[in-house]
Amino acid sequence: MEFDLYHGTDRTSYSKIISSGFNKSSWGYLGSGVYFYENNHKMALRWCKDKKKLSNPVVIRYILSAADDIVFDISDPNGDNLSNLERGIEKQVKRLKSKGYSINIDDKSMSRFIDDYCEDHNKNIVKAHTVTNSYYFEGILIPPKFCNGIEVCVKDVSLISKERLEVI
């Protein structure tokens, strides 16, 4: 499976990425990892400008080839992967409740559920639809309400060769 990926950052972080490689985030909506937009450099640039307010944005392109069996694709709402994830989360909730824990599902706990699922099933890449990047128009914040891209979270940074990164 091949991915055409775009990562938005600033010039200082780009220099660190080129010299030392990516640092993965500790959490995000698809779990911990390095986040990219698939086939969409404009979304990466928009993330830099509108979400992070970066004055010197850089968009990095990376073509990633990976074996199908390490990819956890939950972009199909009717697909088995999404159903399997939901069943896994439900199983975790039942287990925690049976031990007397109170359950509060928030962004960080969902991130942890996805990390646990991927670890249990040897998945190193997660692909999903995203509703991201609110933006400003004439001083008014316009929040996203519809799917406007595909995000890919690379959990194993060794899959990203810094020598093959390019700035667009």
C-alpha atoms as a PDB file:
ATOM      1  CA  MET A   1       0.000   0.000   0.000  1.00  0.00           C
ATOM      2  CA  GLU A   2       1.357   3.417  -0.894  1.00  0.00           C
ATOM      3  CA  PHE A   3       0.486   6.738   0.725  1.00  0.00           C
ATOM      4  CA  ASP A   4       1.158  10.254  -0.574  1.00  0.00           C
ATOM      5  CA  LEU A   5       1.472  12.128   2.741  1.00  0.00           C
ATOM      6  CA  TYR A   6       1.778  15.782   3.765  1.00  0.00           C
ATOM      7  CA  HIS A   7       2.860  17.112   7.162  1.00  0.00           C
ATOM      8  CA  GLY A   8       2.622  20.767   8.155  1.00  0.00           C
ATOM      9  CA  THR A   9       5.180  22.322  10.472  1.00  0.00           C
ATOM     10  CA  ASP A  10       7.383  25.414  10.824  1.00  0.00           C
ATOM     11  CA  ARG A  11      10.932  25.999   9.563  1.00  0.00           C
ATOM     12  CA  THR A  12      12.575  25.398  12.944  1.00  0.00           C
ATOM     13  CA  SER A  13      10.785  22.078  13.448  1.00  0.00           C
ATOM     14  CA  TYR A  14      11.527  21.114   9.837  1.00  0.00           C
ATOM     15  CA  SER A  15      15.271  21.562  10.485  1.00  0.00           C
ATOM     16  CA  LYS A  16      15.000  19.300  13.551  1.00  0.00           C
ATOM     17  CA  ILE A  17      13.049  16.699  11.548  1.00  0.00           C
ATOM     18  CA  ILE A  18      15.699  16.666   8.818  1.00  0.00           C
ATOM     19  CA  SER A  19      18.536  16.253  11.330  1.00  0.00           C
ATOM     20  CA  SER A  20      16.925  13.902  13.865  1.00  0.00           C
ATOM     21  CA  GLY A  21      13.724  12.543  12.335  1.00  0.00           C
ATOM     22  CA  PHE A  22      10.153  12.936  13.532  1.00  0.00           C
ATOM     23  CA  ASN A  23       9.088  12.909  17.165  1.00  0.00           C
ATOM     24  CA  LYS A  24       5.711  11.302  17.541  1.00  0.00           C
ATOM     25  CA  SER A  25       2.982  13.042  19.465  1.00  0.00           C
ATOM     26  CA  SER A  26       1.930  11.407  22.713  1.00  0.00           C
ATOM     27  CA  TRP A  27      -1.731  11.473  21.738  1.00  0.00           C
ATOM     28  CA  GLY A  28      -4.148  12.564  19.029  1.00  0.00           C
ATOM     29  CA  TYR A  29      -7.520  11.486  17.749  1.00  0.00           C
ATOM     30  CA  LEU A  30      -5.922   8.453  16.054  1.00  0.00           C
ATOM     31  CA  GLY A  31      -3.599   7.766  18.967  1.00  0.00           C
ATOM     32  CA  SER A  32       0.066   8.578  19.386  1.00  0.00           C
ATOM     33  CA  GLY A  33       2.178   9.018  16.268  1.00  0.00           C
ATOM     34  CA  VAL A  34       3.152  11.410  13.484  1.00  0.00           C
ATOM     35  CA  TYR A  35       0.158  12.925  11.684  1.00  0.00           C
ATOM     36  CA  PHE A  36      -0.140  13.527   7.955  1.00  0.00           C
ATOM     37  CA  TYR A  37      -2.860  14.422   5.477  1.00  0.00           C
ATOM     38  CA  GLU A  38      -3.191  11.979   2.610  1.00  0.00           C
ATOM     39  CA  ASN A  39      -3.107  13.376  -0.941  1.00  0.00           C
ATOM     40  CA  ASN A  40      -3.716  16.934   0.277  1.00  0.00           C
ATOM     41  CA  HIS A  41      -0.897  19.420   0.783  1.00  0.00           C
ATOM     42  CA  LYS A  42      -3.430  22.259   1.064  1.00  0.00           C
ATOM     43  CA  MET A  43      -4.878  20.781   4.274  1.00  0.00           C
ATOM     44  CA  ALA A  44      -1.388  20.542   5.782  1.00  0.00           C
ATOM     45  CA  LEU A  45      -0.717  24.183   4.912  1.00  0.00           C
ATOM     46  CA  ARG A  46      -4.122  25.245   6.210  1.00  0.00           C
ATOM     47  CA  TRP A  47      -3.438  23.417   9.479  1.00  0.00           C
ATOM     48  CA  CYS A  48      -0.195  25.400   9.834  1.00  0.00           C
ATOM     49  CA  LYS A  49      -1.787  28.746   9.123  1.00  0.00           C
ATOM     50  CA  ASP A  50      -5.259  28.463  10.666  1.00  0.00           C
ATOM     51  CA  LYS A  51      -4.883  25.931  13.477  1.00  0.00           C
ATOM     52  CA  LYS A  52      -1.336  26.629  14.657  1.00  0.00           C
ATOM     53  CA  LYS A  53      -0.987  30.222  13.408  1.00  0.00           C
ATOM     54  CA  LEU A  54       2.528  29.546  12.141  1.00  0.00           C
ATOM     55  CA  SER A  55       4.161  32.512  10.436  1.00  0.00           C
ATOM     56  CA  ASN A  56       6.760  30.437   8.586  1.00  0.00           C
ATOM     57  CA  PRO A  57       4.956  27.231   7.574  1.00  0.00           C
ATOM     58  CA  VAL A  58       6.570  24.340   5.763  1.00  0.00           C
ATOM     59  CA  VAL A  59       4.766  21.399   4.187  1.00  0.00           C
ATOM     60  CA  ILE A  60       6.719  18.168   4.015  1.00  0.00           C
ATOM     61  CA  ARG A  61       5.786  15.502   1.483  1.00  0.00           C
ATOM     62  CA  TYR A  62       6.533  11.851   2.074  1.00  0.00           C
ATOM     63  CA  ILE A  63       5.673   8.820  -0.044  1.00  0.00           C
ATOM     64  CA  LEU A  64       5.213   5.908   2.353  1.00  0.00           C
ATOM     65  CA  SER A  65       5.075   2.296   1.232  1.00  0.00           C
ATOM     66  CA  ALA A  66       3.786  -0.172   3.795  1.00  0.00           C
ATOM     67  CA  ALA A  67       2.541  -3.726   3.933  1.00  0.00           C
ATOM     68  CA  ASP A  68      -1.261  -3.921   4.012  1.00  0.00           C
ATOM     69  CA  ASP A  69      -1.253  -5.951   7.219  1.00  0.00           C
ATOM     70  CA  ILE A  70       0.206  -3.083   9.325  1.00  0.00           C
ATOM     71  CA  VAL A  71      -2.402  -0.552   8.148  1.00  0.00           C
ATOM     72  CA  PHE A  72      -5.525  -0.016  10.228  1.00  0.00           C
ATOM     73  CA  ASP A  73      -7.914   1.709   7.812  1.00  0.00           C
ATOM     74  CA  ILE A  74     -11.022   3.003   9.563  1.00  0.00           C
ATOM     75  CA  SER A  75     -12.003   5.382   6.772  1.00  0.00           C
ATOM     76  CA  ASP A  76     -14.783   3.076   5.537  1.00  0.00           C
ATOM     77  CA  PRO A  77     -17.825   3.494   7.836  1.00  0.00           C
ATOM     78  CA  ASN A  78     -19.122   0.092   6.686  1.00  0.00           C
ATOM     79  CA  GLY A  79     -15.781  -1.677   6.945  1.00  0.00           C
ATOM     80  CA  ASP A  80     -14.756  -4.447   9.292  1.00  0.00           C
ATOM     81  CA  ASN A  81     -11.913  -2.416  10.813  1.00  0.00           C
ATOM     82  CA  LEU A  82     -14.218   0.232  12.240  1.00  0.00           C
ATOM     83  CA  SER A  83     -16.621  -2.416  13.570  1.00  0.00           C
ATOM     84  CA  ASN A  84     -13.717  -4.302  15.143  1.00  0.00           C
ATOM     85  CA  LEU A  85     -12.486  -1.117  16.812  1.00  0.00           C
ATOM     86  CA  GLU A  86     -15.938  -0.362  18.196  1.00  0.00           C
ATOM     87  CA  ARG A  87     -16.226  -3.904  19.604  1.00  0.00           C
ATOM     88  CA  GLY A  88     -12.767  -3.582  21.127  1.00  0.00           C
ATOM     89  CA  ILE A  89     -13.691  -0.302  22.806  1.00  0.00           C
ATOM     90  CA  GLU A  90     -16.933  -1.799  24.119  1.00  0.00           C
ATOM     91  CA  LYS A  91     -14.990  -4.764  25.523  1.00  0.00           C
ATOM     92  CA  GLN A  92     -12.570  -2.385  27.276  1.00  0.00           C
ATOM     93  CA  VAL A  93     -15.435  -0.333  28.735  1.00  0.00           C
ATOM     94  CA  LYS A  94     -17.113  -3.488  30.098  1.00  0.00           C
ATOM     95  CA  ARG A  95     -13.831  -4.692  31.592  1.00  0.00           C
ATOM     96  CA  LEU A  96     -13.147  -1.349  33.293  1.00  0.00           C
ATOM     97  CA  LYS A  97     -16.709  -1.049  34.598  1.00  0.00           C
ATOM     98  CA  SER A  98     -16.551  -4.575  36.025  1.00  0.00           C
ATOM     99  CA  LYS A  99     -13.498  -3.489  38.018  1.00  0.00           C
ATOM    100  CA  GLY A 100     -15.433  -0.554  39.479  1.00  0.00           C
ATOM    101  CA  TYR A 101     -13.912   2.241  37.411  1.00  0.00           C
ATOM    102  CA  SER A 102     -16.093   5.151  36.416  1.00  0.00           C
ATOM    103  CA  ILE A 103     -15.893   5.643  32.673  1.00  0.00           C
ATOM    104  CA  ASN A 104     -15.552   9.023  30.999  1.00  0.00           C
ATOM    105  CA  ILE A 105     -14.843   8.799  27.287  1.00  0.00           C
ATOM    106  CA  ASP A 106     -12.953  11.861  26.084  1.00  0.00           C
ATOM    107  CA  ASP A 107     -10.420  12.545  23.309  1.00  0.00           C
ATOM    108  CA  LYS A 108      -7.461  11.249  25.326  1.00  0.00           C
ATOM    109  CA  SER A 109      -9.195   8.013  26.358  1.00  0.00           C
ATOM    110  CA  MET A 110     -10.244   7.389  22.738  1.00  0.00           C
ATOM    111  CA  SER A 111      -6.643   7.998  21.710  1.00  0.00           C
ATOM    112  CA  ARG A 112      -5.531   5.383  24.255  1.00  0.00           C
ATOM    113  CA  PHE A 113      -8.169   2.895  23.044  1.00  0.00           C
ATOM    114  CA  ILE A 114      -6.839   3.217  19.490  1.00  0.00           C
ATOM    115  CA  ASP A 115      -3.233   2.846  20.677  1.00  0.00           C
ATOM    116  CA  ASP A 116      -4.142  -0.298  22.634  1.00  0.00           C
ATOM    117  CA  TYR A 117      -6.057  -1.764  19.689  1.00  0.00           C
ATOM    118  CA  CYS A 118      -3.187  -1.088  17.284  1.00  0.00           C
ATOM    119  CA  GLU A 119      -0.657  -2.564  19.690  1.00  0.00           C
ATOM    120  CA  ASP A 120      -2.776  -5.690  20.213  1.00  0.00           C
ATOM    121  CA  HIS A 121      -3.211  -6.165  16.449  1.00  0.00           C
ATOM    122  CA  ASN A 122       0.264  -5.082  15.240  1.00  0.00           C
ATOM    123  CA  LYS A 123      -0.976  -2.033  13.347  1.00  0.00           C
ATOM    124  CA  ASN A 124       1.577   0.735  12.787  1.00  0.00           C
ATOM    125  CA  ILE A 125      -0.437   3.066  10.570  1.00  0.00           C
ATOM    126  CA  VAL A 126      -3.982   4.349  11.112  1.00  0.00           C
ATOM    127  CA  LYS A 127      -5.994   5.950   8.304  1.00  0.00           C
ATOM    128  CA  ALA A 128      -9.289   7.767   8.905  1.00  0.00           C
ATOM    129  CA  HIS A 129     -11.531  10.540   7.657  1.00  0.00           C
ATOM    130  CA  THR A 130     -11.037  13.830   9.429  1.00  0.00           C
ATOM    131  CA  VAL A 131     -13.168  16.820  10.225  1.00  0.00           C
ATOM    132  CA  THR A 132     -10.489  19.356  10.955  1.00  0.00           C
ATOM    133  CA  ASN A 133      -9.224  22.847  10.388  1.00  0.00           C
ATOM    134  CA  SER A 134     -11.669  25.522  11.311  1.00  0.00           C
ATOM    135  CA  TYR A 135     -10.692  28.750   9.584  1.00  0.00           C
ATOM    136  CA  TYR A 136     -11.403  32.450   9.701  1.00  0.00           C
ATOM    137  CA  PHE A 137     -13.334  34.320   7.042  1.00  0.00           C
ATOM    138  CA  GLU A 138     -13.762  38.063   7.476  1.00  0.00           C
ATOM    139  CA  GLY A 139     -12.995  37.711  11.176  1.00  0.00           C
ATOM    140  CA  ILE A 140     -15.549  34.921  11.745  1.00  0.00           C
ATOM    141  CA  LEU A 141     -14.446  31.459  12.880  1.00  0.00           C
ATOM    142  CA  ILE A 142     -15.880  28.845  10.503  1.00  0.00           C
ATOM    143  CA  PRO A 143     -15.852  25.425  12.202  1.00  0.00           C
ATOM    144  CA  PRO A 144     -15.673  22.275  10.099  1.00  0.00           C
ATOM    145  CA  LYS A 145     -18.787  20.125  10.187  1.00  0.00           C
ATOM    146  CA  PHE A 146     -18.123  17.714   7.333  1.00  0.00           C
ATOM    147  CA  CYS A 147     -15.365  15.328   6.409  1.00  0.00           C
ATOM    148  CA  ASN A 148     -12.721  17.394   4.680  1.00  0.00           C
ATOM    149  CA  GLY A 149      -9.791  15.051   4.380  1.00  0.00           C
ATOM    150  CA  ILE A 150      -8.030  11.828   5.238  1.00  0.00           C
ATOM    151  CA  GLU A 151      -5.500  11.778   8.046  1.00  0.00           C
ATOM    152  CA  VAL A 152      -2.847   9.148   8.493  1.00  0.00           C
ATOM    153  CA  CYS A 153      -1.147   8.540  11.826  1.00  0.00           C
ATOM    154  CA  VAL A 154       2.192   6.751  11.573  1.00  0.00           C
ATOM    155  CA  LYS A 155       2.808   5.098  14.928  1.00  0.00           C
ATOM    156  CA  ASP A 156       6.219   3.629  14.128  1.00  0.00           C
ATOM    157  CA  VAL A 157       8.523   6.517  13.165  1.00  0.00           C
ATOM    158  CA  SER A 158      11.101   4.064  11.801  1.00  0.00           C
ATOM    159  CA  LEU A 159       8.752   3.721   8.799  1.00  0.00           C
ATOM    160  CA  ILE A 160       9.614   7.322   7.856  1.00  0.00           C
ATOM    161  CA  SER A 161      12.988   7.754   6.170  1.00  0.00           C
ATOM    162  CA  LYS A 162      14.118  11.352   6.694  1.00  0.00           C
ATOM    163  CA  GLU A 163      16.273  11.062   3.576  1.00  0.00           C
ATOM    164  CA  ARG A 164      13.112  10.771   1.450  1.00  0.00           C
ATOM    165  CA  LEU A 165      11.315  13.823   2.861  1.00  0.00           C
ATOM    166  CA  GLU A 166      10.780  16.737   0.524  1.00  0.00           C
ATOM    167  CA  VAL A 167       9.514  20.272   1.062  1.00  0.00           C
ATOM    168  CA  ILE A 168       6.821  21.381  -1.327  1.00  0.00           C
END
